[in-house]
Protein backbone atom coordinates (compact mmCIF):
# COMPACT_ATOMS: atom_id res chain seq x y z
CA MET A 1 -16.68 -20.83 -52.43
CA THR A 2 -14.62 -17.74 -51.70
CA SER A 3 -16.29 -14.42 -51.02
CA PRO A 4 -15.88 -11.72 -53.70
CA ALA A 5 -13.14 -9.18 -53.16
CA PRO A 6 -14.31 -5.66 -52.20
CA GLU A 7 -14.54 -3.18 -55.07
CA PRO A 8 -11.75 -0.58 -55.33
CA ASN A 9 -14.20 2.32 -54.95
CA MET A 10 -15.66 0.79 -51.78
CA THR A 11 -12.17 0.22 -50.34
CA ALA A 12 -11.12 3.78 -51.17
CA GLY A 13 -14.31 5.14 -49.60
CA ARG A 14 -13.67 3.25 -46.38
CA GLY A 15 -10.08 4.51 -46.36
CA ARG A 16 -11.23 8.12 -46.71
CA GLU A 17 -13.82 7.64 -43.96
CA LEU A 18 -11.18 6.20 -41.62
CA ALA A 19 -8.79 9.05 -42.43
CA LEU A 20 -11.50 11.60 -41.68
CA ARG A 21 -12.37 9.88 -38.40
CA ILE A 22 -8.73 10.24 -37.34
CA ALA A 23 -7.91 13.61 -38.88
CA VAL A 24 -10.94 15.61 -37.70
CA PRO A 25 -10.50 14.88 -33.95
CA LEU A 26 -6.76 15.51 -34.23
CA LEU A 27 -7.38 18.87 -35.90
CA MET A 28 -9.84 19.78 -33.15
CA VAL A 29 -7.29 18.91 -30.46
CA VAL A 30 -4.58 20.92 -32.23
CA ALA A 31 -6.95 23.89 -32.56
CA LEU A 32 -7.85 23.78 -28.85
CA VAL A 33 -4.18 23.56 -27.83
CA LEU A 34 -3.38 26.50 -30.11
CA ILE A 35 -6.20 28.57 -28.57
CA TRP A 36 -4.92 27.64 -25.12
CA HIS A 37 -1.37 28.69 -26.02
CA LEU A 38 -2.44 31.98 -27.58
CA GLY A 39 -4.76 32.75 -24.68
CA VAL A 40 -1.97 32.24 -22.13
CA MET A 41 0.52 34.21 -24.20
CA TRP A 42 -1.73 37.20 -24.83
CA SER A 43 -3.30 37.38 -21.37
CA GLY A 44 -0.03 37.01 -19.47
CA VAL A 45 -1.53 34.56 -16.96
CA PRO A 46 1.20 33.34 -14.56
CA PRO A 47 2.07 29.63 -14.84
CA TYR A 48 0.96 28.90 -11.26
CA ILE A 49 -2.59 29.75 -12.38
CA LEU A 50 -2.67 28.44 -15.95
CA PRO A 51 0.51 27.04 -17.54
CA SER A 52 1.09 27.05 -21.26
CA PRO A 53 1.02 23.79 -23.26
CA GLY A 54 4.80 23.99 -23.54
CA ALA A 55 5.16 24.18 -19.75
CA VAL A 56 2.89 21.15 -19.36
CA VAL A 57 4.94 19.14 -21.86
CA ALA A 58 8.15 20.20 -20.10
CA ALA A 59 6.70 19.07 -16.75
CA LEU A 60 5.58 15.79 -18.30
CA ILE A 61 9.10 15.12 -19.56
CA GLY A 62 10.92 16.44 -16.49
CA ASP A 63 8.70 14.64 -13.96
CA TRP A 64 8.32 11.44 -15.97
CA GLY A 65 10.18 9.50 -13.29
CA LEU A 66 7.41 10.39 -10.80
CA LEU A 67 4.41 10.29 -13.10
CA PHE A 68 5.07 7.07 -14.99
CA PRO A 69 5.13 4.74 -11.92
CA ALA A 70 1.93 6.42 -10.71
CA LEU A 71 0.38 5.84 -14.14
CA LEU A 72 1.28 2.16 -13.92
CA VAL A 73 -0.36 1.88 -10.49
CA THR A 74 -3.59 3.53 -11.68
CA THR A 75 -3.62 1.42 -14.84
CA LYS A 76 -3.12 -1.79 -12.85
CA ILE A 77 -5.96 -1.02 -10.43
CA THR A 78 -8.29 0.01 -13.27
CA LEU A 79 -7.67 -3.07 -15.42
CA MET A 80 -7.81 -5.49 -12.51
CA SER A 81 -11.08 -4.03 -11.25
CA LEU A 82 -12.53 -4.09 -14.76
CA ALA A 83 -11.54 -7.74 -15.22
CA LEU A 84 -13.12 -8.67 -11.89
CA ALA A 85 -16.25 -6.68 -12.80
CA LEU A 86 -16.52 -8.50 -16.13
CA ILE A 87 -16.23 -11.90 -14.49
CA GLY A 88 -18.44 -11.04 -11.52
CA GLY A 89 -21.04 -9.05 -13.46
CA GLY A 90 -21.37 -11.60 -16.23
CA GLY A 91 -21.49 -14.55 -13.86
CA PHE A 92 -23.95 -12.90 -11.48
CA ALA A 93 -26.18 -11.89 -14.41
CA ILE A 94 -26.34 -15.51 -15.57
CA PHE A 95 -27.22 -16.52 -12.01
CA LEU A 96 -29.99 -13.92 -11.76
CA VAL A 97 -31.82 -14.89 -14.97
CA GLN A 98 -32.10 -18.54 -13.95
CA SER A 99 -35.19 -17.76 -11.89
CA ARG A 100 -37.51 -14.81 -11.43
CA TRP A 101 -37.39 -15.31 -7.66
CA ILE A 102 -33.59 -15.23 -7.66
CA GLU A 103 -33.68 -11.94 -9.55
CA ILE A 104 -36.26 -10.47 -7.18
CA ALA A 105 -34.18 -11.52 -4.17
CA PHE A 106 -30.69 -10.45 -5.26
CA TYR A 107 -31.02 -7.69 -7.88
CA PRO A 108 -32.09 -5.00 -5.34
CA ILE A 109 -28.87 -5.64 -3.41
CA ALA A 110 -26.85 -4.83 -6.52
CA VAL A 111 -28.94 -1.69 -7.03
CA ILE A 112 -28.26 -0.57 -3.45
CA LEU A 113 -24.52 -1.00 -3.96
CA GLN A 114 -24.71 1.01 -7.17
CA VAL A 115 -26.72 3.98 -5.87
CA THR A 116 -24.67 4.31 -2.67
CA PRO A 117 -21.89 6.85 -3.36
CA ILE A 118 -18.51 5.13 -3.35
CA VAL A 119 -17.02 8.06 -1.42
CA ALA A 120 -19.47 7.34 1.42
CA ILE A 121 -18.51 3.68 1.80
CA SER A 122 -14.81 3.99 0.98
CA PRO A 123 -13.88 4.72 4.66
CA LEU A 124 -15.45 1.40 5.66
CA ILE A 125 -13.67 -0.41 2.86
CA LEU A 126 -10.38 1.15 3.95
CA ILE A 127 -10.98 -0.09 7.49
CA TYR A 128 -11.80 -3.67 6.58
CA ALA A 129 -9.52 -4.18 3.57
CA PRO A 130 -6.09 -5.67 4.38
CA THR A 131 -4.19 -3.06 2.33
CA THR A 132 -4.90 0.26 0.69
CA GLN A 133 -4.38 -1.22 -2.77
CA VAL A 134 -7.01 -3.88 -2.09
CA ALA A 135 -9.39 -1.16 -0.86
CA LEU A 136 -8.87 0.83 -4.07
CA LEU A 137 -9.45 -2.32 -6.11
CA ILE A 138 -12.72 -3.05 -4.27
CA CYS A 139 -13.96 0.53 -4.77
CA ALA A 140 -13.23 0.48 -8.49
CA PHE A 141 -14.79 -2.98 -8.81
CA LEU A 142 -18.04 -1.90 -7.15
CA VAL A 143 -18.47 1.05 -9.50
CA ALA A 144 -17.72 -0.94 -12.67
CA PHE A 145 -19.72 -4.00 -11.59
CA PHE A 146 -23.29 -2.74 -11.89
CA PRO A 147 -23.25 -1.40 -15.50
CA ILE A 148 -21.90 -4.74 -16.70
CA LEU A 149 -24.42 -6.64 -14.59
CA SER A 150 -27.43 -4.59 -15.67
CA ASN A 151 -26.52 -4.69 -19.36
CA MET A 152 -25.87 -8.42 -19.25
CA VAL A 153 -29.17 -9.10 -17.48
CA GLN A 154 -31.00 -6.99 -20.04
CA GLY A 155 -29.29 -8.85 -22.87
CA LEU A 156 -30.07 -12.28 -21.47
CA LYS A 157 -33.73 -11.29 -21.04
CA SER A 158 -34.01 -9.73 -24.53
CA VAL A 159 -33.63 -12.94 -26.53
CA ASP A 160 -36.18 -13.35 -29.32
CA HIS A 161 -39.03 -15.42 -27.92
CA ASN A 162 -39.43 -17.18 -31.27
CA LEU A 163 -35.90 -18.53 -30.96
CA LEU A 164 -36.62 -19.60 -27.39
CA ASN A 165 -39.70 -21.46 -28.60
CA LEU A 166 -37.61 -23.08 -31.32
CA PHE A 167 -35.06 -24.33 -28.79
CA ASP A 168 -37.90 -25.67 -26.64
CA LEU A 169 -39.41 -27.37 -29.67
CA TYR A 170 -36.18 -29.23 -30.34
CA GLY A 171 -35.85 -30.26 -26.69
CA ALA A 172 -32.81 -28.14 -25.81
CA SER A 173 -31.83 -28.18 -22.17
CA ARG A 174 -31.58 -25.02 -20.08
CA TRP A 175 -27.77 -25.22 -20.31
CA GLN A 176 -27.86 -25.56 -24.11
CA THR A 177 -30.28 -22.65 -24.41
CA LEU A 178 -28.01 -20.53 -22.22
CA VAL A 179 -24.76 -21.37 -24.03
CA TYR A 180 -25.96 -21.46 -27.63
CA LEU A 181 -28.70 -18.82 -27.61
CA LYS A 182 -28.88 -16.46 -24.63
CA ILE A 183 -25.18 -15.69 -24.12
CA PRO A 184 -24.47 -15.06 -27.87
CA ALA A 185 -27.59 -12.89 -28.12
CA ALA A 186 -26.49 -10.88 -25.07
CA GLN A 187 -23.05 -10.06 -26.48
CA PRO A 188 -23.99 -6.55 -27.76
CA TYR A 189 -25.34 -5.63 -24.32
CA PHE A 190 -22.27 -7.08 -22.63
CA MET A 191 -19.98 -5.05 -24.89
CA THR A 192 -21.91 -1.90 -24.04
CA GLY A 193 -21.40 -2.66 -20.36
CA LEU A 194 -17.71 -3.26 -21.04
CA ARG A 195 -17.24 0.20 -22.58
CA ILE A 196 -19.16 1.89 -19.78
CA GLY A 197 -17.43 -0.12 -17.07
CA GLY A 198 -13.96 0.66 -18.41
CA GLY A 199 -14.45 4.40 -17.99
CA LEU A 200 -16.16 4.05 -14.63
CA ALA A 201 -13.40 1.79 -13.30
CA LEU A 202 -10.83 4.50 -14.02
CA ILE A 203 -12.98 7.20 -12.43
CA ALA A 204 -13.58 5.05 -9.36
CA ALA A 205 -9.88 4.22 -9.00
CA VAL A 206 -9.02 7.94 -8.95
CA VAL A 207 -11.88 8.92 -6.62
CA ALA A 208 -11.09 6.07 -4.24
CA GLU A 209 -7.47 7.15 -4.08
CA PHE A 210 -8.57 10.70 -3.31
CA ALA A 211 -10.70 9.35 -0.46
CA ALA A 212 -7.96 7.02 0.78
CA GLY A 213 -5.29 9.70 0.75
CA SER A 214 -2.66 7.09 -0.11
CA ALA A 215 0.90 8.21 -0.62
CA GLY A 216 4.33 6.80 -1.30
CA ALA A 217 5.82 4.73 -4.06
CA SER A 218 2.67 2.61 -4.50
CA SER A 219 0.38 5.61 -5.05
CA GLY A 220 -1.32 6.41 -8.32
CA LEU A 221 -1.93 9.52 -10.35
CA ALA A 222 -4.56 10.80 -7.91
CA PHE A 223 -1.87 11.29 -5.26
CA ARG A 224 0.33 13.11 -7.79
CA LEU A 225 -2.58 15.43 -8.52
CA LEU A 226 -3.02 16.24 -4.85
CA GLU A 227 0.72 16.59 -4.31
CA SER A 228 1.02 18.98 -7.25
CA GLN A 229 -1.89 21.03 -5.92
CA PHE A 230 -0.34 21.33 -2.44
CA ARG A 231 3.04 22.28 -3.90
CA MET A 232 1.41 24.72 -6.37
CA ASN A 233 3.16 22.84 -9.15
CA ILE A 234 0.37 23.45 -11.66
CA PRO A 235 2.31 22.29 -14.77
CA ARG A 236 2.83 18.88 -13.14
CA LEU A 237 -0.86 18.81 -12.17
CA PHE A 238 -1.82 19.40 -15.79
CA ALA A 239 0.67 16.73 -16.88
CA ALA A 240 -0.95 14.19 -14.53
CA LEU A 241 -4.37 15.18 -15.86
CA LEU A 242 -3.08 14.67 -19.38
CA LEU A 243 -1.91 11.15 -18.50
CA LEU A 244 -5.27 10.33 -16.91
CA SER A 245 -7.10 11.55 -20.00
CA ALA A 246 -4.80 9.55 -22.26
CA LEU A 247 -5.38 6.45 -20.13
CA GLY A 248 -9.14 6.92 -20.33
CA VAL A 249 -9.02 7.34 -24.11
CA ALA A 250 -6.81 4.24 -24.42
CA ILE A 251 -9.24 2.16 -22.33
CA PHE A 252 -12.21 3.38 -24.37
CA ALA A 253 -10.38 2.64 -27.62
CA ALA A 254 -9.40 -0.84 -26.44
CA THR A 255 -12.92 -1.73 -25.28
CA SER A 256 -14.41 -0.32 -28.49
CA PHE A 257 -12.00 -2.40 -30.54
CA ILE A 258 -12.90 -5.54 -28.57
CA SER A 259 -16.58 -4.78 -29.16
CA TRP A 260 -15.98 -4.33 -32.88
CA LEU A 261 -13.92 -7.51 -33.03
CA VAL A 262 -16.73 -9.53 -31.49
CA LEU A 263 -19.70 -7.95 -33.29
CA HIS A 264 -18.54 -6.69 -36.68
CA ARG A 265 -19.28 -9.91 -38.56
CA TRP A 266 -22.90 -10.31 -37.54
CA HIS A 267 -24.45 -7.50 -35.49
CA GLU A 268 -26.32 -4.62 -37.10
CA SER A 269 -24.50 -1.98 -35.07
CA ASN A 270 -21.19 -2.82 -36.80
CA LEU A 271 -22.25 -3.98 -40.26
CA LYS A 272 -21.59 -1.65 -43.20
CA ARG A 273 -24.69 -0.91 -45.24
CA GLU A 274 -25.08 0.85 -48.56
CA ASN A 275 -27.85 3.07 -47.18
């Protein structure tokens, strides 16, 4: 039996809602850029203090040959660290919930790594890591790891006890209960950790590069920010900031889309209701 087609009014309503979700933020961004442009024009602020939006766009286009490779480096470190954090955080969470004693023994270590500022331990990581890129990857991984771990642990421990009793009643093994009940039930928590970890991985990659002071062709956008500051090239600095912001928005949009793709058919947070 095929499901009924959505009514035209419902489809049109969803289209208008989607258009508003896109149009309203764009209008806000355009308004802020216009205020910025008018403020610079009327106040006469020199470009080495606050450049106009046009100067930033010109720097973005003119220095694209420098900024784009740096953007690729930062993107690579962020995505690799996020992937490692997803694998490590999810796997370690499954390991922790197997026994209360395992959780008591190992979870505090993860908490210690999380609450220790990454800037404080980055010099040690730079000493022991074989290359600067590996050090940056480790720093970003450590920051993104704990939110994914904590959310996944919470999800695995938040399974409905009635369903657990049902699985026990039917003689399901621990492996079957994990695969067919606990992991699917923990997906909303895991997706929350994914969205948080994506943003934190980018922040950690930039902060770690600041601490490392890396330079050269293999450096990311953090080095271009510092270089622009030292050279008093403020339009290029704003252009690098713009690229970092765009990268952060892209990562958040991608992780949100993945979350919607996984949850929209069954979880309450993504189901459309009439009221």
